[in-house]
Structures are given as structure tokens and as C-alpha cells.
Amino acid sequence: AEIKAYVKHNSTSMVVFDDDLSPSQLRNL
């Protein structure tokens, strides 16, 4: 929720994760 609020208020175009995401994690995010 904290990340979502930052993305929304700062017009962020991309979120980068420091690990590999599973297909389901990718879809959910």
C-alpha cells in the first residue's frame, strides 16, 4: 500500500524488484 501510494503521487513509470518474481507475483503486482 505504501509503494502504491508513492507510485500514484509521483507518476512513477516502473517498479524494480531486487529478486526474481514468480509469474503469479508479477501478475498480482
PDB file of all heavy atoms in Angstrom:
ATOM      1  N   ALA A   1       0.836  -1.209   0.000  1.00  0.00           N
ATOM      2  CA  ALA A   1       0.000   0.000   0.000  1.00  0.00           C
ATOM      3  C   ALA A   1       0.869   1.258   0.000  1.00  0.00           C
ATOM      4  O   ALA A   1       0.550   2.251  -0.668  1.00  0.00           O
ATOM      5  CB  ALA A   1      -0.923  -0.017   1.217  1.00  0.00           C
ATOM      6  N   GLU A   2       1.992   1.201   0.740  1.00  0.00           N
ATOM      7  CA  GLU A   2       2.929   2.336   0.785  1.00  0.00           C
ATOM      8  C   GLU A   2       3.547   2.576  -0.598  1.00  0.00           C
ATOM      9  O   GLU A   2       3.655   3.724  -1.061  1.00  0.00           O
ATOM     10  CB  GLU A   2       4.007   2.033   1.826  1.00  0.00           C
ATOM     11  CG  GLU A   2       4.973   3.163   2.079  1.00  0.00           C
ATOM     12  CD  GLU A   2       6.062   2.776   3.068  1.00  0.00           C
ATOM     13  OE1 GLU A   2       5.847   1.809   3.843  1.00  0.00           O
ATOM     14  OE2 GLU A   2       7.127   3.422   3.064  1.00  0.00           O
ATOM     15  N   ILE A   3       3.941   1.494  -1.264  1.00  0.00           N
ATOM     16  CA  ILE A   3       4.520   1.607  -2.609  1.00  0.00           C
ATOM     17  C   ILE A   3       3.479   2.147  -3.586  1.00  0.00           C
ATOM     18  O   ILE A   3       3.773   3.019  -4.421  1.00  0.00           O
ATOM     19  CB  ILE A   3       5.049   0.232  -3.081  1.00  0.00           C
ATOM     20  CG1 ILE A   3       6.201  -0.228  -2.185  1.00  0.00           C
ATOM     21  CG2 ILE A   3       5.505   0.293  -4.536  1.00  0.00           C
ATOM     22  CD1 ILE A   3       6.616  -1.675  -2.397  1.00  0.00           C
ATOM     23  N   LYS A   4       2.249   1.636  -3.477  1.00  0.00           N
ATOM     24  CA  LYS A   4       1.167   2.073  -4.376  1.00  0.00           C
ATOM     25  C   LYS A   4       0.908   3.571  -4.227  1.00  0.00           C
ATOM     26  O   LYS A   4       0.716   4.286  -5.220  1.00  0.00           O
ATOM     27  CB  LYS A   4      -0.093   1.279  -4.075  1.00  0.00           C
ATOM     28  CG  LYS A   4      -1.239   1.557  -5.032  1.00  0.00           C
ATOM     29  CD  LYS A   4      -2.425   0.658  -4.732  1.00  0.00           C
ATOM     30  CE  LYS A   4      -3.573   0.934  -5.719  1.00  0.00           C
ATOM     31  NZ  LYS A   4      -4.740   0.044  -5.437  1.00  0.00           N
ATOM     32  N   ALA A   5       0.904   4.071  -2.991  1.00  0.00           N
ATOM     33  CA  ALA A   5       0.674   5.497  -2.747  1.00  0.00           C
ATOM     34  C   ALA A   5       1.798   6.338  -3.354  1.00  0.00           C
ATOM     35  O   ALA A   5       1.549   7.390  -3.973  1.00  0.00           O
ATOM     36  CB  ALA A   5       0.566   5.754  -1.242  1.00  0.00           C
ATOM     37  N   TYR A   6       3.054   5.866  -3.206  1.00  0.00           N
ATOM     38  CA  TYR A   6       4.187   6.607  -3.772  1.00  0.00           C
ATOM     39  C   TYR A   6       4.105   6.634  -5.300  1.00  0.00           C
ATOM     40  O   TYR A   6       4.307   7.687  -5.922  1.00  0.00           O
ATOM     41  CB  TYR A   6       5.507   5.973  -3.333  1.00  0.00           C
ATOM     42  CG  TYR A   6       6.707   6.678  -3.922  1.00  0.00           C
ATOM     43  CD1 TYR A   6       7.263   7.784  -3.297  1.00  0.00           C
ATOM     44  CD2 TYR A   6       7.275   6.238  -5.117  1.00  0.00           C
ATOM     45  CE1 TYR A   6       8.344   8.446  -3.840  1.00  0.00           C
ATOM     46  CE2 TYR A   6       8.363   6.895  -5.675  1.00  0.00           C
ATOM     47  CZ  TYR A   6       8.891   7.995  -5.037  1.00  0.00           C
ATOM     48  OH  TYR A   6       9.959   8.656  -5.592  1.00  0.00           O
ATOM     49  N   VAL A   7       3.812   5.483  -5.890  1.00  0.00           N
ATOM     50  CA  VAL A   7       3.711   5.389  -7.356  1.00  0.00           C
ATOM     51  C   VAL A   7       2.637   6.341  -7.880  1.00  0.00           C
ATOM     52  O   VAL A   7       2.830   7.048  -8.877  1.00  0.00           O
ATOM     53  CB  VAL A   7       3.407   3.931  -7.775  1.00  0.00           C
ATOM     54  CG1 VAL A   7       2.989   3.869  -9.242  1.00  0.00           C
ATOM     55  CG2 VAL A   7       4.626   3.044  -7.532  1.00  0.00           C
ATOM     56  N   LYS A   8       1.505   6.370  -7.189  1.00  0.00           N
ATOM     57  CA  LYS A   8       0.366   7.197  -7.635  1.00  0.00           C
ATOM     58  C   LYS A   8       0.682   8.686  -7.544  1.00  0.00           C
ATOM     59  O   LYS A   8       0.361   9.461  -8.457  1.00  0.00           O
ATOM     60  CB  LYS A   8      -0.862   6.861  -6.791  1.00  0.00           C
ATOM     61  CG  LYS A   8      -2.117   7.593  -7.219  1.00  0.00           C
ATOM     62  CD  LYS A   8      -3.306   7.154  -6.378  1.00  0.00           C
ATOM     63  CE  LYS A   8      -4.571   7.901  -6.826  1.00  0.00           C
ATOM     64  NZ  LYS A   8      -5.744   7.494  -5.999  1.00  0.00           N
ATOM     65  N   HIS A   9       1.344   9.105  -6.467  1.00  0.00           N
ATOM     66  CA  HIS A   9       1.570  10.531  -6.242  1.00  0.00           C
ATOM     67  C   HIS A   9       2.825  11.072  -6.924  1.00  0.00           C
ATOM     68  O   HIS A   9       3.022  12.289  -6.966  1.00  0.00           O
ATOM     69  CB  HIS A   9       1.643  10.816  -4.739  1.00  0.00           C
ATOM     70  CG  HIS A   9       0.325  10.700  -4.044  1.00  0.00           C
ATOM     71  ND1 HIS A   9      -0.070   9.546  -3.383  1.00  0.00           N
ATOM     72  CD2 HIS A   9      -0.706  11.568  -3.926  1.00  0.00           C
ATOM     73  CE1 HIS A   9      -1.280   9.721  -2.874  1.00  0.00           C
ATOM     74  NE2 HIS A   9      -1.695  10.942  -3.190  1.00  0.00           N
ATOM     75  N   ASN A  10       3.664  10.208  -7.442  1.00  0.00           N
ATOM     76  CA  ASN A  10       4.914  10.675  -8.052  1.00  0.00           C
ATOM     77  C   ASN A  10       5.031  10.305  -9.524  1.00  0.00           C
ATOM     78  O   ASN A  10       6.109  10.460 -10.106  1.00  0.00           O
ATOM     79  CB  ASN A  10       6.110  10.114  -7.281  1.00  0.00           C
ATOM     80  CG  ASN A  10       6.215  10.676  -5.873  1.00  0.00           C
ATOM     81  OD1 ASN A  10       6.782  11.735  -5.657  1.00  0.00           O
ATOM     82  ND2 ASN A  10       5.644   9.966  -4.910  1.00  0.00           N
ATOM     83  N   SER A  11       3.937   9.821 -10.110  1.00  0.00           N
ATOM     84  CA  SER A  11       3.923   9.466 -11.543  1.00  0.00           C
ATOM     85  C   SER A  11       5.070   8.535 -11.908  1.00  0.00           C
ATOM     86  O   SER A  11       5.738   8.701 -12.938  1.00  0.00           O
ATOM     87  CB  SER A  11       3.974  10.729 -12.406  1.00  0.00           C
ATOM     88  OG  SER A  11       2.892  11.577 -12.114  1.00  0.00           O
ATOM     89  N   THR A  12       5.345   7.580 -11.038  1.00  0.00           N
ATOM     90  CA  THR A  12       6.406   6.602 -11.289  1.00  0.00           C
ATOM     91  C   THR A  12       6.002   5.676 -12.434  1.00  0.00           C
ATOM     92  O   THR A  12       4.860   5.216 -12.493  1.00  0.00           O
ATOM     93  CB  THR A  12       6.674   5.769 -10.017  1.00  0.00           C
ATOM     94  OG1 THR A  12       7.010   6.662  -8.953  1.00  0.00           O
ATOM     95  CG2 THR A  12       7.806   4.790 -10.232  1.00  0.00           C
ATOM     96  N   SER A  13       6.926   5.399 -13.350  1.00  0.00           N
ATOM     97  CA  SER A  13       6.592   4.582 -14.521  1.00  0.00           C
ATOM     98  C   SER A  13       6.983   3.124 -14.363  1.00  0.00           C
ATOM     99  O   SER A  13       6.555   2.276 -15.160  1.00  0.00           O
ATOM    100  CB  SER A  13       7.297   5.151 -15.764  1.00  0.00           C
ATOM    101  OG  SER A  13       8.700   5.134 -15.566  1.00  0.00           O
ATOM    102  N   MET A  14       7.793   2.812 -13.342  1.00  0.00           N
ATOM    103  CA  MET A  14       8.298   1.444 -13.239  1.00  0.00           C
ATOM    104  C   MET A  14       8.711   1.152 -11.793  1.00  0.00           C
ATOM    105  O   MET A  14       9.211   2.029 -11.101  1.00  0.00           O
ATOM    106  CB  MET A  14       9.502   1.271 -14.179  1.00  0.00           C
ATOM    107  CG  MET A  14      10.148  -0.096 -14.201  1.00  0.00           C
ATOM    108  SD  MET A  14      11.356  -0.227 -15.550  1.00  0.00           S
ATOM    109  CE  MET A  14      12.538   1.039 -15.084  1.00  0.00           C
ATOM    110  N   VAL A  15       8.483  -0.075 -11.347  1.00  0.00           N
ATOM    111  CA  VAL A  15       8.940  -0.531 -10.033  1.00  0.00           C
ATOM    112  C   VAL A  15       9.861  -1.719 -10.252  1.00  0.00           C
ATOM    113  O   VAL A  15       9.493  -2.691 -10.926  1.00  0.00           O
ATOM    114  CB  VAL A  15       7.758  -0.928  -9.121  1.00  0.00           C
ATOM    115  CG1 VAL A  15       8.278  -1.404  -7.765  1.00  0.00           C
ATOM    116  CG2 VAL A  15       6.807   0.252  -8.923  1.00  0.00           C
ATOM    117  N   VAL A  16      11.076  -1.649  -9.693  1.00  0.00           N
ATOM    118  CA  VAL A  16      12.094  -2.681  -9.899  1.00  0.00           C
ATOM    119  C   VAL A  16      12.315  -3.438  -8.592  1.00  0.00           C
ATOM    120  O   VAL A  16      12.518  -2.825  -7.536  1.00  0.00           O
ATOM    121  CB  VAL A  16      13.424  -2.059 -10.375  1.00  0.00           C
ATOM    122  CG1 VAL A  16      14.465  -3.159 -10.606  1.00  0.00           C
ATOM    123  CG2 VAL A  16      13.216  -1.261 -11.645  1.00  0.00           C
ATOM    124  N   PHE A  17      12.294  -4.758  -8.669  1.00  0.00           N
ATOM    125  CA  PHE A  17      12.482  -5.622  -7.502  1.00  0.00           C
ATOM    126  C   PHE A  17      13.858  -6.275  -7.557  1.00  0.00           C
ATOM    127  O   PHE A  17      14.309  -6.696  -8.627  1.00  0.00           O
ATOM    128  CB  PHE A  17      11.385  -6.680  -7.439  1.00  0.00           C
ATOM    129  CG  PHE A  17      10.018  -6.113  -7.130  1.00  0.00           C
ATOM    130  CD1 PHE A  17       9.270  -5.488  -8.118  1.00  0.00           C
ATOM    131  CD2 PHE A  17       9.498  -6.189  -5.853  1.00  0.00           C
ATOM    132  CE1 PHE A  17       8.019  -4.947  -7.843  1.00  0.00           C
ATOM    133  CE2 PHE A  17       8.249  -5.649  -5.560  1.00  0.00           C
ATOM    134  CZ  PHE A  17       7.510  -5.028  -6.555  1.00  0.00           C
ATOM    135  N   ASP A  18      14.495  -6.389  -6.394  1.00  0.00           N
ATOM    136  CA  ASP A  18      15.871  -6.889  -6.333  1.00  0.00           C
ATOM    137  C   ASP A  18      15.950  -8.414  -6.319  1.00  0.00           C
ATOM    138  O   ASP A  18      17.000  -8.979  -6.047  1.00  0.00           O
ATOM    139  CB  ASP A  18      16.580  -6.333  -5.093  1.00  0.00           C
ATOM    140  CG  ASP A  18      18.085  -6.555  -5.152  1.00  0.00           C
ATOM    141  OD1 ASP A  18      18.649  -6.485  -6.250  1.00  0.00           O
ATOM    142  OD2 ASP A  18      18.691  -6.826  -4.101  1.00  0.00           O
ATOM    143  N   ASP A  19      14.874  -9.088  -6.585  1.00  0.00           N
ATOM    144  CA  ASP A  19      14.864 -10.549  -6.700  1.00  0.00           C
ATOM    145  C   ASP A  19      14.032 -10.934  -7.904  1.00  0.00           C
ATOM    146  O   ASP A  19      13.329 -10.099  -8.497  1.00  0.00           O
ATOM    147  CB  ASP A  19      14.269 -11.185  -5.434  1.00  0.00           C
ATOM    148  CG  ASP A  19      15.263 -11.222  -4.285  1.00  0.00           C
ATOM    149  OD1 ASP A  19      16.332 -11.835  -4.460  1.00  0.00           O
ATOM    150  OD2 ASP A  19      14.971 -10.631  -3.231  1.00  0.00           O
ATOM    151  N   ASP A  20      14.103 -12.201  -8.278  1.00  0.00           N
ATOM    152  CA  ASP A  20      13.238 -12.703  -9.348  1.00  0.00           C
ATOM    153  C   ASP A  20      11.828 -12.880  -8.812  1.00  0.00           C
ATOM    154  O   ASP A  20      11.629 -13.390  -7.710  1.00  0.00           O
ATOM    155  CB  ASP A  20      13.761 -14.037  -9.876  1.00  0.00           C
ATOM    156  CG  ASP A  20      15.013 -13.856 -10.721  1.00  0.00           C
ATOM    157  OD1 ASP A  20      15.358 -12.688 -10.995  1.00  0.00           O
ATOM    158  OD2 ASP A  20      15.633 -14.861 -11.095  1.00  0.00           O
ATOM    159  N   LEU A  21      10.842 -12.474  -9.599  1.00  0.00           N
ATOM    160  CA  LEU A  21       9.442 -12.620  -9.231  1.00  0.00           C
ATOM    161  C   LEU A  21       8.846 -13.820  -9.938  1.00  0.00           C
ATOM    162  O   LEU A  21       9.179 -14.094 -11.102  1.00  0.00           O
ATOM    163  CB  LEU A  21       8.655 -11.361  -9.614  1.00  0.00           C
ATOM    164  CG  LEU A  21       9.088 -10.048  -8.958  1.00  0.00           C
ATOM    165  CD1 LEU A  21       8.326  -8.881  -9.558  1.00  0.00           C
ATOM    166  CD2 LEU A  21       8.890 -10.097  -7.454  1.00  0.00           C
ATOM    167  N   SER A  22       7.978 -14.528  -9.252  1.00  0.00           N
ATOM    168  CA  SER A  22       7.258 -15.634  -9.891  1.00  0.00           C
ATOM    169  C   SER A  22       6.203 -15.049 -10.837  1.00  0.00           C
ATOM    170  O   SER A  22       5.828 -13.879 -10.698  1.00  0.00           O
ATOM    171  CB  SER A  22       6.586 -16.511  -8.836  1.00  0.00           C
ATOM    172  OG  SER A  22       5.527 -15.789  -8.207  1.00  0.00           O
ATOM    173  N   PRO A  23       5.714 -15.842 -11.808  1.00  0.00           N
ATOM    174  CA  PRO A  23       4.663 -15.343 -12.704  1.00  0.00           C
ATOM    175  C   PRO A  23       3.446 -14.806 -11.959  1.00  0.00           C
ATOM    176  O   PRO A  23       2.887 -13.775 -12.334  1.00  0.00           O
ATOM    177  CB  PRO A  23       4.317 -16.567 -13.553  1.00  0.00           C
ATOM    178  CG  PRO A  23       5.574 -17.372 -13.583  1.00  0.00           C
ATOM    179  CD  PRO A  23       6.195 -17.169 -12.230  1.00  0.00           C
ATOM    180  N   SER A  24       3.043 -15.475 -10.886  1.00  0.00           N
ATOM    181  CA  SER A  24       1.861 -15.022 -10.142  1.00  0.00           C
ATOM    182  C   SER A  24       2.154 -13.715  -9.403  1.00  0.00           C
ATOM    183  O   SER A  24       1.307 -12.814  -9.356  1.00  0.00           O
ATOM    184  CB  SER A  24       1.415 -16.101  -9.141  1.00  0.00           C
ATOM    185  OG  SER A  24       2.436 -16.369  -8.200  1.00  0.00           O
ATOM    186  N   GLN A  25       3.357 -13.579  -8.821  1.00  0.00           N
ATOM    187  CA  GLN A  25       3.722 -12.324  -8.165  1.00  0.00           C
ATOM    188  C   GLN A  25       3.734 -11.179  -9.174  1.00  0.00           C
ATOM    189  O   GLN A  25       3.252 -10.076  -8.883  1.00  0.00           O
ATOM    190  CB  GLN A  25       5.103 -12.451  -7.511  1.00  0.00           C
ATOM    191  CG  GLN A  25       5.129 -13.279  -6.242  1.00  0.00           C
ATOM    192  CD  GLN A  25       6.542 -13.485  -5.724  1.00  0.00           C
ATOM    193  OE1 GLN A  25       7.504 -13.531  -6.490  1.00  0.00           O
ATOM    194  NE2 GLN A  25       6.677 -13.624  -4.410  1.00  0.00           N
ATOM    195  N   LEU A  26       4.257 -11.449 -10.354  1.00  0.00           N
ATOM    196  CA  LEU A  26       4.314 -10.435 -11.405  1.00  0.00           C
ATOM    197  C   LEU A  26       2.916  -9.960 -11.782  1.00  0.00           C
ATOM    198  O   LEU A  26       2.649  -8.750 -11.875  1.00  0.00           O
ATOM    199  CB  LEU A  26       5.029 -11.011 -12.628  1.00  0.00           C
ATOM    200  CG  LEU A  26       5.404 -10.051 -13.760  1.00  0.00           C
ATOM    201  CD1 LEU A  26       6.396  -9.013 -13.271  1.00  0.00           C
ATOM    202  CD2 LEU A  26       5.979 -10.812 -14.935  1.00  0.00           C
ATOM    203  N   ARG A  27       1.994 -10.910 -11.972  1.00  0.00           N
ATOM    204  CA  ARG A  27       0.613 -10.553 -12.332  1.00  0.00           C
ATOM    205  C   ARG A  27      -0.062  -9.766 -11.212  1.00  0.00           C
ATOM    206  O   ARG A  27      -0.721  -8.751 -11.462  1.00  0.00           O
ATOM    207  CB  ARG A  27      -0.192 -11.821 -12.635  1.00  0.00           C
ATOM    208  CG  ARG A  27       0.184 -12.505 -13.925  1.00  0.00           C
ATOM    209  CD  ARG A  27      -0.888 -13.503 -14.341  1.00  0.00           C
ATOM    210  NE  ARG A  27      -1.118 -14.525 -13.326  1.00  0.00           N
ATOM    211  CZ  ARG A  27      -0.418 -15.656 -13.244  1.00  0.00           C
ATOM    212  NH1 ARG A  27       0.558 -15.895 -14.106  1.00  0.00           N
ATOM    213  NH2 ARG A  27      -0.683 -16.549 -12.307  1.00  0.00           N
ATOM    214  N   ASN A  28       0.099 -10.217  -9.980  1.00  0.00           N
ATOM    215  CA  ASN A  28      -0.541  -9.544  -8.850  1.00  0.00           C
ATOM    216  C   ASN A  28      -0.019  -8.126  -8.659  1.00  0.00           C
ATOM    217  O   ASN A  28      -0.785  -7.196  -8.382  1.00  0.00           O
ATOM    218  CB  ASN A  28      -0.319 -10.356  -7.564  1.00  0.00           C
ATOM    219  CG  ASN A  28      -1.032 -11.702  -7.594  1.00  0.00           C
ATOM    220  OD1 ASN A  28      -2.025 -11.872  -8.301  1.00  0.00           O
ATOM    221  ND2 ASN A  28      -0.524 -12.661  -6.840  1.00  0.00           N
ATOM    222  N   LEU A  29       1.277  -7.951  -8.814  1.00  0.00           N
ATOM    223  CA  LEU A  29       1.868  -6.625  -8.638  1.00  0.00           C
ATOM    224  C   LEU A  29       1.454  -5.675  -9.753  1.00  0.00           C
ATOM    225  O   LEU A  29       1.177  -4.491  -9.509  1.00  0.00           O
ATOM    226  CB  LEU A  29       3.394  -6.740  -8.571  1.00  0.00           C
ATOM    227  CG  LEU A  29       3.955  -7.347  -7.278  1.00  0.00           C
ATOM    228  CD1 LEU A  29       5.419  -7.739  -7.450  1.00  0.00           C
ATOM    229  CD2 LEU A  29       3.804  -6.361  -6.121  1.00  0.00           C
TER     230      LEU A  29
END
